[in-house]
Amino acid sequence: MLAAEVLDYLGRKERVLDGTLGGGGHALALLAGGTASVAGIDRDPDSILEARTRLAEFERTGRFRAVEANYADLGEVEELVAESFDGILLDLGISSHQIDATERGFSFRPGAPLDMRMGKGGGDLDAAELLNTSDTMTLGSIFRDFGDEPRAMRLAREVVRRRGTAPFATSDDLVGAIRGALGPRTGPADFARLFQAVRIAVNDELRGLERALPSLRDRLTPGGTIVVIAYHSGEDRIVKNAFRDWSADCICPPKQPVCTCRGRPLGTTLTRRAIVAGEFETIRNPRARSARLRAWQRDV
């Protein structure tokens, strides 16, 4: 996604961290297009395996390595302790192979299990458990805040009502609740939006991003660049606000008489507005329509 734009910002960097490795598409572009070394991390072991297979040649020469980890917990990744990078990339959301693997439960294909966990930790809460145990207010918040659903509480009540008869287990159960609450004219766009809301909640994606951004910034070398591609308005808002604050001289409250913050910008926002995919890319890959790329550079 937005590979050419990623190369514009990171293509000449020597040490790059790909914090959302996925199948290794962006890593391949960075490795093939220059002399960079890439460290890739992903919490999904299937993604790690796919990327290592795809990038085996670069792994053999020492230019690529992969670590199973969550980018939000970078400080706990022993293999990357104290390392710094000239470039960092986050391509948020889920990858195509995760969507295509019905057993992972990311899609609303009939009969898909309600899983949606990006990692495979046995103790992690899956989508079925979330839907079967969360109270009405929590579910309403998930559908409203992560799914932009104006009738979120109606849908939450429908989920609670239906699970009283039979627990949610497959995609059909959630699709049925959506149609029951929002009407029979709901379709794939609504299912995609609300399944995404549940996935974001299952994986704690927004809080993970908020927690990660400062630690990723601090891993940049002077003059280093971080690029983030977001697909959800909440993700993009977090990134935009972080880059804005890091680029400001002062972040004290407006009416505070004396500056008590750092008193200087930490770097420069390189994208005045988010970069979006062009017409050709969106035709080839409809998922690109929601992609928003932002970039920030640390001061030298």
C-alpha atoms as a PDB file:
ATOM      1  CA  MET A   1       0.000   0.000   0.000  1.00  0.00           C
ATOM      2  CA  LEU A   2       1.396   3.409  -1.049  1.00  0.00           C
ATOM      3  CA  ALA A   3       4.742   1.697  -1.722  1.00  0.00           C
ATOM      4  CA  ALA A   4       6.065   4.484  -3.953  1.00  0.00           C
ATOM      5  CA  GLU A   5       5.274   7.084  -1.313  1.00  0.00           C
ATOM      6  CA  VAL A   6       6.947   4.982   1.385  1.00  0.00           C
ATOM      7  CA  LEU A   7      10.080   4.797  -0.777  1.00  0.00           C
ATOM      8  CA  ASP A   8      10.018   8.579  -1.228  1.00  0.00           C
ATOM      9  CA  TYR A   9      10.498   8.990   2.528  1.00  0.00           C
ATOM     10  CA  LEU A  10      12.447   5.870   3.495  1.00  0.00           C
ATOM     11  CA  GLY A  11      14.107   4.645   0.307  1.00  0.00           C
ATOM     12  CA  ARG A  12      17.478   6.216   1.080  1.00  0.00           C
ATOM     13  CA  LYS A  13      17.637   5.177   4.732  1.00  0.00           C
ATOM     14  CA  GLU A  14      20.262   2.662   5.835  1.00  0.00           C
ATOM     15  CA  ARG A  15      18.626   1.128   8.927  1.00  0.00           C
ATOM     16  CA  VAL A  16      14.853   0.719   8.806  1.00  0.00           C
ATOM     17  CA  LEU A  17      12.395  -0.772  11.283  1.00  0.00           C
ATOM     18  CA  ASP A  18       9.225  -2.146   9.716  1.00  0.00           C
ATOM     19  CA  GLY A  19       6.988  -2.327  12.755  1.00  0.00           C
ATOM     20  CA  THR A  20       4.114  -4.036  10.933  1.00  0.00           C
ATOM     21  CA  LEU A  21       5.941  -6.505   8.705  1.00  0.00           C
ATOM     22  CA  GLY A  22       2.913  -8.379   7.387  1.00  0.00           C
ATOM     23  CA  GLY A  23       3.818 -10.354   4.292  1.00  0.00           C
ATOM     24  CA  GLY A  24       6.952  -8.264   3.752  1.00  0.00           C
ATOM     25  CA  GLY A  25       5.787  -6.168   0.803  1.00  0.00           C
ATOM     26  CA  HIS A  26       7.132  -2.843   2.044  1.00  0.00           C
ATOM     27  CA  ALA A  27      10.301  -4.497   3.361  1.00  0.00           C
ATOM     28  CA  LEU A  28      10.920  -6.006  -0.075  1.00  0.00           C
ATOM     29  CA  ALA A  29      10.544  -2.609  -1.738  1.00  0.00           C
ATOM     30  CA  LEU A  30      13.033  -1.069   0.694  1.00  0.00           C
ATOM     31  CA  LEU A  31      15.532  -3.913   0.348  1.00  0.00           C
ATOM     32  CA  ALA A  32      15.316  -4.207  -3.428  1.00  0.00           C
ATOM     33  CA  GLY A  33      15.552  -0.502  -4.047  1.00  0.00           C
ATOM     34  CA  GLY A  34      18.773   0.302  -2.160  1.00  0.00           C
ATOM     35  CA  THR A  35      21.312  -0.819   0.405  1.00  0.00           C
ATOM     36  CA  ALA A  36      19.096  -0.638   3.483  1.00  0.00           C
ATOM     37  CA  SER A  37      18.989  -3.248   6.207  1.00  0.00           C
ATOM     38  CA  VAL A  38      15.494  -3.919   7.529  1.00  0.00           C
ATOM     39  CA  ALA A  39      14.383  -5.256  10.898  1.00  0.00           C
ATOM     40  CA  GLY A  40      10.791  -6.400  10.699  1.00  0.00           C
ATOM     41  CA  ILE A  41       8.490  -7.138  13.607  1.00  0.00           C
ATOM     42  CA  ASP A  42       4.964  -8.513  13.648  1.00  0.00           C
ATOM     43  CA  ARG A  43       2.861 -10.146  16.352  1.00  0.00           C
ATOM     44  CA  ASP A  44       1.430 -12.656  13.867  1.00  0.00           C
ATOM     45  CA  PRO A  45       3.656 -15.749  13.470  1.00  0.00           C
ATOM     46  CA  ASP A  46       2.023 -16.516  10.118  1.00  0.00           C
ATOM     47  CA  SER A  47       3.136 -13.102   8.853  1.00  0.00           C
ATOM     48  CA  ILE A  48       6.663 -13.710  10.086  1.00  0.00           C
ATOM     49  CA  LEU A  49       6.808 -17.025   8.244  1.00  0.00           C
ATOM     50  CA  GLU A  50       5.455 -15.538   5.016  1.00  0.00           C
ATOM     51  CA  ALA A  51       7.857 -12.582   5.137  1.00  0.00           C
ATOM     52  CA  ARG A  52      10.882 -14.767   5.890  1.00  0.00           C
ATOM     53  CA  THR A  53      10.035 -16.983   2.935  1.00  0.00           C
ATOM     54  CA  ARG A  54       9.583 -13.977   0.665  1.00  0.00           C
ATOM     55  CA  LEU A  55      12.772 -12.273   1.867  1.00  0.00           C
ATOM     56  CA  ALA A  56      14.968 -15.337   2.373  1.00  0.00           C
ATOM     57  CA  GLU A  57      17.662 -14.016   0.027  1.00  0.00           C
ATOM     58  CA  PHE A  58      18.047 -10.815   2.050  1.00  0.00           C
ATOM     59  CA  GLU A  59      17.970 -12.729   5.337  1.00  0.00           C
ATOM     60  CA  ARG A  60      20.843 -14.909   4.129  1.00  0.00           C
ATOM     61  CA  THR A  61      22.971 -11.846   3.375  1.00  0.00           C
ATOM     62  CA  GLY A  62      22.187 -10.255   6.748  1.00  0.00           C
ATOM     63  CA  ARG A  63      20.168  -7.345   5.395  1.00  0.00           C
ATOM     64  CA  PHE A  64      16.858  -8.596   6.781  1.00  0.00           C
ATOM     65  CA  ARG A  65      15.757 -10.089  10.100  1.00  0.00           C
ATOM     66  CA  ALA A  66      12.334 -10.776  11.519  1.00  0.00           C
ATOM     67  CA  VAL A  67      11.153 -10.822  15.115  1.00  0.00           C
ATOM     68  CA  GLU A  68       7.769 -11.935  16.420  1.00  0.00           C
ATOM     69  CA  ALA A  69       6.677  -9.032  18.594  1.00  0.00           C
ATOM     70  CA  ASN A  70       4.151  -6.223  18.943  1.00  0.00           C
ATOM     71  CA  TYR A  71       5.492  -2.835  17.825  1.00  0.00           C
ATOM     72  CA  ALA A  72       3.648  -1.301  20.789  1.00  0.00           C
ATOM     73  CA  ASP A  73       5.994  -3.212  23.110  1.00  0.00           C
ATOM     74  CA  LEU A  74       9.239  -2.360  21.335  1.00  0.00           C
ATOM     75  CA  GLY A  75      11.025  -1.632  24.600  1.00  0.00           C
ATOM     76  CA  GLU A  76      10.537  -5.258  25.644  1.00  0.00           C
ATOM     77  CA  VAL A  77      11.941  -6.771  22.441  1.00  0.00           C
ATOM     78  CA  GLU A  78      15.323  -8.136  23.519  1.00  0.00           C
ATOM     79  CA  GLU A  79      16.595  -8.546  19.949  1.00  0.00           C
ATOM     80  CA  LEU A  80      16.219  -4.793  19.341  1.00  0.00           C
ATOM     81  CA  VAL A  81      17.191  -3.350  22.721  1.00  0.00           C
ATOM     82  CA  ALA A  82      18.897   0.052  22.417  1.00  0.00           C
ATOM     83  CA  GLU A  83      18.940  -0.079  18.607  1.00  0.00           C
ATOM     84  CA  SER A  84      18.193   3.100  16.685  1.00  0.00           C
ATOM     85  CA  PHE A  85      16.910   3.495  13.141  1.00  0.00           C
ATOM     86  CA  ASP A  86      17.119   5.985  10.297  1.00  0.00           C
ATOM     87  CA  GLY A  87      13.582   5.136   9.266  1.00  0.00           C
ATOM     88  CA  ILE A  88      10.532   3.542  10.873  1.00  0.00           C
ATOM     89  CA  LEU A  89       7.391   2.351   9.101  1.00  0.00           C
ATOM     90  CA  LEU A  90       3.979   1.417  10.475  1.00  0.00           C
ATOM     91  CA  ASP A  91       1.374   0.134   8.019  1.00  0.00           C
ATOM     92  CA  LEU A  92      -1.551  -0.263  10.376  1.00  0.00           C
ATOM     93  CA  GLY A  93      -4.573  -2.530  10.108  1.00  0.00           C
ATOM     94  CA  ILE A  94      -4.513  -6.062   8.753  1.00  0.00           C
ATOM     95  CA  SER A  95      -2.787  -7.621   5.772  1.00  0.00           C
ATOM     96  CA  SER A  96      -4.384  -9.376   2.832  1.00  0.00           C
ATOM     97  CA  HIS A  97      -3.272 -12.840   3.907  1.00  0.00           C
ATOM     98  CA  GLN A  98      -4.951 -12.366   7.291  1.00  0.00           C
ATOM     99  CA  ILE A  99      -8.212 -11.423   5.589  1.00  0.00           C
ATOM    100  CA  ASP A 100      -7.925 -14.364   3.194  1.00  0.00           C
ATOM    101  CA  ALA A 101      -7.374 -16.881   5.997  1.00  0.00           C
ATOM    102  CA  THR A 102     -11.000 -17.590   6.945  1.00  0.00           C
ATOM    103  CA  GLU A 103      -9.959 -19.447  10.095  1.00  0.00           C
ATOM    104  CA  ARG A 104      -8.445 -16.252  11.516  1.00  0.00           C
ATOM    105  CA  GLY A 105     -11.921 -14.699  11.627  1.00  0.00           C
ATOM    106  CA  PHE A 106     -11.071 -11.243  10.293  1.00  0.00           C
ATOM    107  CA  SER A 107     -13.639 -11.329   7.490  1.00  0.00           C
ATOM    108  CA  PHE A 108     -17.411 -11.564   7.458  1.00  0.00           C
ATOM    109  CA  ARG A 109     -17.389 -14.575   5.135  1.00  0.00           C
ATOM    110  CA  PRO A 110     -20.126 -17.033   6.149  1.00  0.00           C
ATOM    111  CA  GLY A 111     -19.020 -19.453   8.830  1.00  0.00           C
ATOM    112  CA  ALA A 112     -15.799 -17.648   9.791  1.00  0.00           C
ATOM    113  CA  PRO A 113     -14.984 -18.032  13.500  1.00  0.00           C
ATOM    114  CA  LEU A 114     -15.139 -14.868  15.578  1.00  0.00           C
ATOM    115  CA  ASP A 115     -11.447 -14.733  16.442  1.00  0.00           C
ATOM    116  CA  MET A 116      -9.732 -11.585  15.026  1.00  0.00           C
ATOM    117  CA  ARG A 117      -6.614 -11.864  17.193  1.00  0.00           C
ATOM    118  CA  MET A 118      -3.529 -10.567  15.401  1.00  0.00           C
ATOM    119  CA  GLY A 119      -1.312 -12.661  17.649  1.00  0.00           C
ATOM    120  CA  LYS A 120      -1.931 -16.238  18.653  1.00  0.00           C
ATOM    121  CA  GLY A 121      -1.509 -16.019  22.409  1.00  0.00           C
ATOM    122  CA  GLY A 122      -3.712 -18.561  24.112  1.00  0.00           C
ATOM    123  CA  GLY A 123      -4.734 -16.125  26.840  1.00  0.00           C
ATOM    124  CA  ASP A 124      -5.762 -13.320  24.506  1.00  0.00           C
ATOM    125  CA  LEU A 125      -9.421 -12.336  24.334  1.00  0.00           C
ATOM    126  CA  ASP A 126     -10.963 -13.225  20.967  1.00  0.00           C
ATOM    127  CA  ALA A 127     -13.912 -11.550  19.246  1.00  0.00           C
ATOM    128  CA  ALA A 128     -16.440 -14.163  20.358  1.00  0.00           C
ATOM    129  CA  GLU A 129     -15.518 -13.736  24.018  1.00  0.00           C
ATOM    130  CA  LEU A 130     -15.596  -9.954  23.672  1.00  0.00           C
ATOM    131  CA  LEU A 131     -19.104 -10.041  22.191  1.00  0.00           C
ATOM    132  CA  ASN A 132     -20.342 -12.638  24.662  1.00  0.00           C
ATOM    133  CA  THR A 133     -19.044 -11.019  27.859  1.00  0.00           C
ATOM    134  CA  SER A 134     -18.932  -7.233  27.367  1.00  0.00           C
ATOM    135  CA  ASP A 135     -21.761  -5.185  28.834  1.00  0.00           C
ATOM    136  CA  THR A 136     -24.080  -3.045  26.729  1.00  0.00           C
ATOM    137  CA  MET A 137     -22.236   0.222  27.394  1.00  0.00           C
ATOM    138  CA  THR A 138     -18.872  -1.275  26.443  1.00  0.00           C
ATOM    139  CA  LEU A 139     -20.240  -2.744  23.232  1.00  0.00           C
ATOM    140  CA  GLY A 140     -21.947   0.541  22.389  1.00  0.00           C
ATOM    141  CA  SER A 141     -18.675   2.404  22.846  1.00  0.00           C
ATOM    142  CA  ILE A 142     -16.862  -0.056  20.571  1.00  0.00           C
ATOM    143  CA  PHE A 143     -19.422   0.282  17.773  1.00  0.00           C
ATOM    144  CA  ARG A 144     -19.609   4.070  18.148  1.00  0.00           C
ATOM    145  CA  ASP A 145     -15.957   4.979  18.687  1.00  0.00           C
ATOM    146  CA  PHE A 146     -14.291   2.383  16.475  1.00  0.00           C
ATOM    147  CA  GLY A 147     -17.065   1.839  13.919  1.00  0.00           C
ATOM    148  CA  ASP A 148     -18.524   5.354  13.604  1.00  0.00           C
ATOM    149  CA  GLU A 149     -21.967   3.819  14.080  1.00  0.00           C
ATOM    150  CA  PRO A 150     -24.680   6.367  15.036  1.00  0.00           C
ATOM    151  CA  ARG A 151     -27.016   3.577  16.218  1.00  0.00           C
ATOM    152  CA  ALA A 152     -24.327   1.911  18.301  1.00  0.00           C
ATOM    153  CA  MET A 153     -26.426   1.374  21.409  1.00  0.00           C
ATOM    154  CA  ARG A 154     -29.204  -0.254  19.395  1.00  0.00           C
ATOM    155  CA  LEU A 155     -26.676  -2.698  17.970  1.00  0.00           C
ATOM    156  CA  ALA A 156     -25.163  -3.308  21.418  1.00  0.00           C
ATOM    157  CA  ARG A 157     -28.574  -4.163  22.858  1.00  0.00           C
ATOM    158  CA  GLU A 158     -29.236  -6.510  19.934  1.00  0.00           C
ATOM    159  CA  VAL A 159     -25.962  -8.347  20.583  1.00  0.00           C
ATOM    160  CA  VAL A 160     -26.805  -8.744  24.289  1.00  0.00           C
ATOM    161  CA  ARG A 161     -30.338  -9.926  23.454  1.00  0.00           C
ATOM    162  CA  ARG A 162     -29.160 -12.533  20.937  1.00  0.00           C
ATOM    163  CA  ARG A 163     -26.352 -13.929  23.066  1.00  0.00           C
ATOM    164  CA  GLY A 164     -28.925 -14.639  25.775  1.00  0.00           C
ATOM    165  CA  THR A 165     -30.339 -17.296  23.459  1.00  0.00           C
ATOM    166  CA  ALA A 166     -27.090 -18.616  21.961  1.00  0.00           C
ATOM    167  CA  PRO A 167     -23.503 -17.380  22.310  1.00  0.00           C
ATOM    168  CA  PHE A 168     -21.842 -15.653  19.370  1.00  0.00           C
ATOM    169  CA  ALA A 169     -19.442 -18.032  17.617  1.00  0.00           C
ATOM    170  CA  THR A 170     -19.182 -17.194  13.900  1.00  0.00           C
ATOM    171  CA  SER A 171     -19.353 -14.244  11.548  1.00  0.00           C
ATOM    172  CA  ASP A 172     -22.966 -15.137  10.753  1.00  0.00           C
ATOM    173  CA  ASP A 173     -23.928 -14.308  14.355  1.00  0.00           C
ATOM    174  CA  LEU A 174     -22.514 -10.794  14.169  1.00  0.00           C
ATOM    175  CA  VAL A 175     -23.871 -10.193  10.659  1.00  0.00           C
ATOM    176  CA  GLY A 176     -27.297 -11.303  11.909  1.00  0.00           C
ATOM    177  CA  ALA A 177     -27.118  -8.883  14.845  1.00  0.00           C
ATOM    178  CA  ILE A 178     -26.109  -6.020  12.552  1.00  0.00           C
ATOM    179  CA  ARG A 179     -29.025  -6.720  10.223  1.00  0.00           C
ATOM    180  CA  GLY A 180     -31.392  -7.210  13.162  1.00  0.00           C
ATOM    181  CA  ALA A 181     -30.441  -3.860  14.703  1.00  0.00           C
ATOM    182  CA  LEU A 182     -29.762  -1.694  11.653  1.00  0.00           C
ATOM    183  CA  GLY A 183     -32.132  -3.206   9.109  1.00  0.00           C
ATOM    184  CA  PRO A 184     -32.053  -5.679   6.210  1.00  0.00           C
ATOM    185  CA  ARG A 185     -30.584  -3.109   3.819  1.00  0.00           C
ATOM    186  CA  THR A 186     -27.244  -3.178   5.585  1.00  0.00           C
ATOM    187  CA  GLY A 187     -24.507  -4.590   3.400  1.00  0.00           C
ATOM    188  CA  PRO A 188     -20.784  -5.313   3.027  1.00  0.00           C
ATOM    189  CA  ALA A 189     -19.683  -1.738   3.789  1.00  0.00           C
ATOM    190  CA  ASP A 190     -21.520  -1.822   7.122  1.00  0.00           C
ATOM    191  CA  PHE A 191     -20.230  -5.302   7.961  1.00  0.00           C
ATOM    192  CA  ALA A 192     -16.641  -4.281   7.135  1.00  0.00           C
ATOM    193  CA  ARG A 193     -16.883  -1.163   9.294  1.00  0.00           C
ATOM    194  CA  LEU A 194     -18.354  -2.931  12.320  1.00  0.00           C
ATOM    195  CA  PHE A 195     -16.168  -6.030  12.075  1.00  0.00           C
ATOM    196  CA  GLN A 196     -13.220  -3.608  11.982  1.00  0.00           C
ATOM    197  CA  ALA A 197     -14.523  -1.985  15.177  1.00  0.00           C
ATOM    198  CA  VAL A 198     -14.545  -5.353  16.946  1.00  0.00           C
ATOM    199  CA  ARG A 199     -11.055  -6.171  15.626  1.00  0.00           C
ATOM    200  CA  ILE A 200      -9.677  -2.865  16.915  1.00  0.00           C
ATOM    201  CA  ALA A 201     -11.140  -3.597  20.352  1.00  0.00           C
ATOM    202  CA  VAL A 202      -9.881  -7.189  20.421  1.00  0.00           C
ATOM    203  CA  ASN A 203      -6.313  -6.109  19.656  1.00  0.00           C
ATOM    204  CA  ASP A 204      -6.376  -2.836  21.650  1.00  0.00           C
ATOM    205  CA  GLU A 205      -5.041  -1.149  18.532  1.00  0.00           C
ATOM    206  CA  LEU A 206      -5.625   2.518  19.285  1.00  0.00           C
ATOM    207  CA  ARG A 207      -4.171   2.479  22.792  1.00  0.00           C
ATOM    208  CA  GLY A 208      -1.259   0.426  21.471  1.00  0.00           C
ATOM    209  CA  LEU A 209      -0.574   3.059  18.813  1.00  0.00           C
ATOM    210  CA  GLU A 210      -0.739   5.894  21.356  1.00  0.00           C
ATOM    211  CA  ARG A 211       1.690   4.053  23.609  1.00  0.00           C
ATOM    212  CA  ALA A 212       4.053   3.168  20.794  1.00  0.00           C
ATOM    213  CA  LEU A 213       4.525   6.447  18.984  1.00  0.00           C
ATOM    214  CA  PRO A 214       6.732   8.227  21.569  1.00  0.00           C
ATOM    215  CA  SER A 215       8.980   5.195  22.014  1.00  0.00           C
ATOM    216  CA  LEU A 216       9.319   4.794  18.249  1.00  0.00           C
ATOM    217  CA  ARG A 217      10.167   8.502  17.915  1.00  0.00           C
ATOM    218  CA  ASP A 218      12.907   8.102  20.500  1.00  0.00           C
ATOM    219  CA  ARG A 219      14.443   5.248  18.480  1.00  0.00           C
ATOM    220  CA  LEU A 220      14.999   7.519  15.474  1.00  0.00           C
ATOM    221  CA  THR A 221      18.500   8.751  14.749  1.00  0.00           C
ATOM    222  CA  PRO A 222      18.901  12.529  14.234  1.00  0.00           C
ATOM    223  CA  GLY A 223      17.332  13.286  10.863  1.00  0.00           C
ATOM    224  CA  GLY A 224      15.445   9.981  10.944  1.00  0.00           C
ATOM    225  CA  THR A 225      11.922   9.669   9.583  1.00  0.00           C
ATOM    226  CA  ILE A 226       8.822   7.830  10.777  1.00  0.00           C
ATOM    227  CA  VAL A 227       6.065   7.008   8.281  1.00  0.00           C
ATOM    228  CA  VAL A 228       2.627   5.802   9.358  1.00  0.00           C
ATOM    229  CA  ILE A 229      -0.151   4.528   7.088  1.00  0.00           C
ATOM    230  CA  ALA A 230      -3.540   4.512   8.827  1.00  0.00           C
ATOM    231  CA  TYR A 231      -6.866   3.121   7.636  1.00  0.00           C
ATOM    232  CA  HIS A 232      -9.161   4.240  10.439  1.00  0.00           C
ATOM    233  CA  SER A 233     -10.072   7.793  11.405  1.00  0.00           C
ATOM    234  CA  GLY A 234      -9.098   7.154  15.023  1.00  0.00           C
ATOM    235  CA  GLU A 235      -5.650   5.886  14.042  1.00  0.00           C
ATOM    236  CA  ASP A 236      -5.073   8.809  11.704  1.00  0.00           C
ATOM    237  CA  ARG A 237      -6.160  11.307  14.358  1.00  0.00           C
ATOM    238  CA  ILE A 238      -3.692   9.878  16.874  1.00  0.00           C
ATOM    239  CA  VAL A 239      -0.834  10.083  14.361  1.00  0.00           C
ATOM    240  CA  LYS A 240      -1.751  13.594  13.187  1.00  0.00           C
ATOM    241  CA  ASN A 241      -1.963  14.925  16.745  1.00  0.00           C
ATOM    242  CA  ALA A 242       1.330  13.291  17.786  1.00  0.00           C
ATOM    243  CA  PHE A 243       3.211  14.698  14.794  1.00  0.00           C
ATOM    244  CA  ARG A 244       1.672  18.137  15.392  1.00  0.00           C
ATOM    245  CA  ASP A 245       2.717  18.160  19.054  1.00  0.00           C
ATOM    246  CA  TRP A 246       6.234  16.947  18.274  1.00  0.00           C
ATOM    247  CA  SER A 247       6.619  19.741  15.702  1.00  0.00           C
ATOM    248  CA  ALA A 248       5.410  22.535  18.014  1.00  0.00           C
ATOM    249  CA  ASP A 249       7.646  24.961  19.919  1.00  0.00           C
ATOM    250  CA  CYS A 250       5.424  24.798  22.987  1.00  0.00           C
ATOM    251  CA  ILE A 251       2.765  22.330  24.108  1.00  0.00           C
ATOM    252  CA  CYS A 252       1.802  24.052  27.370  1.00  0.00           C
ATOM    253  CA  PRO A 253      -1.895  24.888  27.959  1.00  0.00           C
ATOM    254  CA  PRO A 254      -2.841  28.091  26.042  1.00  0.00           C
ATOM    255  CA  LYS A 255      -3.447  30.229  29.169  1.00  0.00           C
ATOM    256  CA  GLN A 256      -0.395  29.085  31.094  1.00  0.00           C
ATOM    257  CA  PRO A 257       1.706  32.254  31.704  1.00  0.00           C
ATOM    258  CA  VAL A 258       5.144  30.591  31.715  1.00  0.00           C
ATOM    259  CA  CYS A 259       6.325  27.794  29.434  1.00  0.00           C
ATOM    260  CA  THR A 260       7.229  24.683  31.413  1.00  0.00           C
ATOM    261  CA  CYS A 261       7.440  22.186  28.551  1.00  0.00           C
ATOM    262  CA  ARG A 262      10.482  21.420  26.408  1.00  0.00           C
ATOM    263  CA  GLY A 263      10.204  24.848  24.686  1.00  0.00           C
ATOM    264  CA  ARG A 264      11.372  23.620  21.282  1.00  0.00           C
ATOM    265  CA  PRO A 265      10.148  21.380  18.482  1.00  0.00           C
ATOM    266  CA  LEU A 266      11.453  17.826  18.355  1.00  0.00           C
ATOM    267  CA  GLY A 267      11.261  17.682  14.583  1.00  0.00           C
ATOM    268  CA  THR A 268       9.216  18.540  11.517  1.00  0.00           C
ATOM    269  CA  THR A 269       6.011  17.169  10.063  1.00  0.00           C
ATOM    270  CA  LEU A 270       6.794  16.328   6.437  1.00  0.00           C
ATOM    271  CA  THR A 271       3.208  15.868   5.283  1.00  0.00           C
ATOM    272  CA  ARG A 272       1.074  18.997   5.590  1.00  0.00           C
ATOM    273  CA  ARG A 273      -1.930  16.837   4.737  1.00  0.00           C
ATOM    274  CA  ALA A 274      -2.230  13.090   4.720  1.00  0.00           C
ATOM    275  CA  ILE A 275      -1.167  11.485   1.436  1.00  0.00           C
ATOM    276  CA  VAL A 276      -3.815   9.282  -0.148  1.00  0.00           C
ATOM    277  CA  ALA A 277      -3.601   6.611  -2.820  1.00  0.00           C
ATOM    278  CA  GLY A 278      -3.986   7.593  -6.451  1.00  0.00           C
ATOM    279  CA  GLU A 279      -6.792   6.472  -8.733  1.00  0.00           C
ATOM    280  CA  PHE A 280      -4.790   3.653 -10.323  1.00  0.00           C
ATOM    281  CA  GLU A 281      -3.864   2.126  -6.951  1.00  0.00           C
ATOM    282  CA  THR A 282      -7.412   2.312  -5.616  1.00  0.00           C
ATOM    283  CA  ILE A 283      -8.721   0.554  -8.743  1.00  0.00           C
ATOM    284  CA  ARG A 284      -6.116  -2.173  -8.325  1.00  0.00           C
ATOM    285  CA  ASN A 285      -6.594  -2.416  -4.554  1.00  0.00           C
ATOM    286  CA  PRO A 286      -9.918  -1.038  -3.212  1.00  0.00           C
ATOM    287  CA  ARG A 287      -8.592  -1.202   0.373  1.00  0.00           C
ATOM    288  CA  ALA A 288      -6.235   1.652  -0.543  1.00  0.00           C
ATOM    289  CA  ARG A 289      -9.172   4.070  -0.624  1.00  0.00           C
ATOM    290  CA  SER A 290      -9.034   4.462   3.149  1.00  0.00           C
ATOM    291  CA  ALA A 291      -5.222   4.662   3.441  1.00  0.00           C
ATOM    292  CA  ARG A 292      -3.746   7.874   4.881  1.00  0.00           C
ATOM    293  CA  LEU A 293       0.039   8.313   5.004  1.00  0.00           C
ATOM    294  CA  ARG A 294       1.779  10.817   7.285  1.00  0.00           C
ATOM    295  CA  ALA A 295       5.512  11.355   7.824  1.00  0.00           C
ATOM    296  CA  TRP A 296       7.600  13.132  10.463  1.00  0.00           C
ATOM    297  CA  GLN A 297      11.341  13.806  10.695  1.00  0.00           C
ATOM    298  CA  ARG A 298      13.371  14.089  13.884  1.00  0.00           C
ATOM    299  CA  ASP A 299      15.598  17.143  14.236  1.00  0.00           C
ATOM    300  CA  VAL A 300      19.250  16.698  13.365  1.00  0.00           C
END
